[in-house]
Amino acid sequence: MLGSFLYFTFRRQRMSNVLPFQKPVKAKGLCQHGFHKWKIWQDKQFDVQQGKLVTVLRCERCGEQKVKAQ
């Protein structure tokens, strides 16, 4: 009787230590080495400081932005 009690107690402890699922972190991959996947985010926006039309480019993978003057 004591053996079955210890078996069920151990089994309950082991089942209660299940960790909750965590979403995987979005890895940058190629972006770490400078190989971004640029996509036009806002086309032909006027920049007051430069006095020019600019295009805002955004990387699809990591979200980094760069501005290209026209």
C-alpha atoms as a PDB file:
ATOM      1  CA  MET A   1       0.000   0.000   0.000  1.00  0.00           C
ATOM      2  CA  LEU A   2       2.801   2.414   0.821  1.00  0.00           C
ATOM      3  CA  GLY A   3       4.499   1.613  -2.502  1.00  0.00           C
ATOM      4  CA  SER A   4       1.416   2.515  -4.528  1.00  0.00           C
ATOM      5  CA  PHE A   5       1.010   5.742  -2.519  1.00  0.00           C
ATOM      6  CA  LEU A   6       4.599   6.783  -3.297  1.00  0.00           C
ATOM      7  CA  TYR A   7       4.143   5.860  -6.965  1.00  0.00           C
ATOM      8  CA  PHE A   8       1.068   8.073  -7.383  1.00  0.00           C
ATOM      9  CA  THR A   9       2.643  10.912  -5.376  1.00  0.00           C
ATOM     10  CA  PHE A  10       5.764  10.861  -7.564  1.00  0.00           C
ATOM     11  CA  ARG A  11       3.659  10.653 -10.704  1.00  0.00           C
ATOM     12  CA  ARG A  12       1.569  13.667  -9.655  1.00  0.00           C
ATOM     13  CA  GLN A  13       4.675  15.755  -8.987  1.00  0.00           C
ATOM     14  CA  ARG A  14       6.199  14.934 -12.323  1.00  0.00           C
ATOM     15  CA  MET A  15       3.024  15.855 -14.215  1.00  0.00           C
ATOM     16  CA  SER A  16       2.639  19.169 -12.364  1.00  0.00           C
ATOM     17  CA  ASN A  17       6.106  20.362 -13.450  1.00  0.00           C
ATOM     18  CA  VAL A  18       5.072  20.806 -17.082  1.00  0.00           C
ATOM     19  CA  LEU A  19       6.284  24.185 -18.340  1.00  0.00           C
ATOM     20  CA  PRO A  20       3.879  26.498 -20.179  1.00  0.00           C
ATOM     21  CA  PHE A  21       4.350  26.879 -23.933  1.00  0.00           C
ATOM     22  CA  GLN A  22       6.331  29.945 -24.973  1.00  0.00           C
ATOM     23  CA  LYS A  23       6.173  31.488 -28.440  1.00  0.00           C
ATOM     24  CA  PRO A  24       9.495  31.291 -30.282  1.00  0.00           C
ATOM     25  CA  VAL A  25      11.459  34.524 -30.593  1.00  0.00           C
ATOM     26  CA  LYS A  26      11.561  35.892 -34.116  1.00  0.00           C
ATOM     27  CA  ALA A  27      15.155  35.441 -35.234  1.00  0.00           C
ATOM     28  CA  LYS A  28      16.809  37.974 -37.475  1.00  0.00           C
ATOM     29  CA  GLY A  29      18.824  35.374 -39.411  1.00  0.00           C
ATOM     30  CA  LEU A  30      20.248  37.029 -42.498  1.00  0.00           C
ATOM     31  CA  CYS A  31      19.572  40.535 -41.169  1.00  0.00           C
ATOM     32  CA  GLN A  32      22.342  40.106 -38.595  1.00  0.00           C
ATOM     33  CA  HIS A  33      24.838  40.019 -41.452  1.00  0.00           C
ATOM     34  CA  GLY A  34      23.371  42.912 -43.450  1.00  0.00           C
ATOM     35  CA  PHE A  35      21.189  40.952 -45.895  1.00  0.00           C
ATOM     36  CA  HIS A  36      17.860  42.681 -45.293  1.00  0.00           C
ATOM     37  CA  LYS A  37      14.678  42.080 -47.262  1.00  0.00           C
ATOM     38  CA  TRP A  38      13.666  45.668 -48.065  1.00  0.00           C
ATOM     39  CA  LYS A  39      10.095  46.485 -48.992  1.00  0.00           C
ATOM     40  CA  ILE A  40       8.555  49.920 -49.675  1.00  0.00           C
ATOM     41  CA  TRP A  41       6.641  51.057 -46.603  1.00  0.00           C
ATOM     42  CA  GLN A  42       5.655  54.596 -47.589  1.00  0.00           C
ATOM     43  CA  ASP A  43       6.207  55.662 -51.185  1.00  0.00           C
ATOM     44  CA  LYS A  44       7.076  59.272 -52.126  1.00  0.00           C
ATOM     45  CA  GLN A  45       6.613  61.020 -48.838  1.00  0.00           C
ATOM     46  CA  PHE A  46       7.776  64.659 -48.720  1.00  0.00           C
ATOM     47  CA  ASP A  47      10.518  65.431 -46.194  1.00  0.00           C
ATOM     48  CA  VAL A  48      10.405  69.050 -45.023  1.00  0.00           C
ATOM     49  CA  GLN A  49      13.982  69.153 -43.680  1.00  0.00           C
ATOM     50  CA  GLN A  50      15.580  67.880 -46.912  1.00  0.00           C
ATOM     51  CA  GLY A  51      13.009  69.456 -49.211  1.00  0.00           C
ATOM     52  CA  LYS A  52      12.842  66.262 -51.280  1.00  0.00           C
ATOM     53  CA  LEU A  53      10.561  63.322 -51.907  1.00  0.00           C
ATOM     54  CA  VAL A  54      11.688  60.317 -49.929  1.00  0.00           C
ATOM     55  CA  THR A  55      10.773  56.643 -49.906  1.00  0.00           C
ATOM     56  CA  VAL A  56      10.740  54.819 -46.580  1.00  0.00           C
ATOM     57  CA  LEU A  57      11.974  51.237 -46.882  1.00  0.00           C
ATOM     58  CA  ARG A  58      11.354  48.671 -44.143  1.00  0.00           C
ATOM     59  CA  CYS A  59      12.870  45.208 -43.697  1.00  0.00           C
ATOM     60  CA  GLU A  60      10.201  42.493 -43.689  1.00  0.00           C
ATOM     61  CA  ARG A  61      12.165  40.268 -41.322  1.00  0.00           C
ATOM     62  CA  CYS A  62      13.467  42.554 -38.563  1.00  0.00           C
ATOM     63  CA  GLY A  63      11.557  45.840 -39.045  1.00  0.00           C
ATOM     64  CA  GLU A  64      14.601  48.082 -39.527  1.00  0.00           C
ATOM     65  CA  GLN A  65      13.923  51.207 -41.588  1.00  0.00           C
ATOM     66  CA  LYS A  66      15.959  53.242 -44.030  1.00  0.00           C
ATOM     67  CA  VAL A  67      15.112  56.366 -46.001  1.00  0.00           C
ATOM     68  CA  LYS A  68      15.954  56.769 -49.672  1.00  0.00           C
ATOM     69  CA  ALA A  69      15.907  60.301 -51.147  1.00  0.00           C
ATOM     70  CA  GLN A  70      14.768  60.755 -54.750  1.00  0.00           C
END
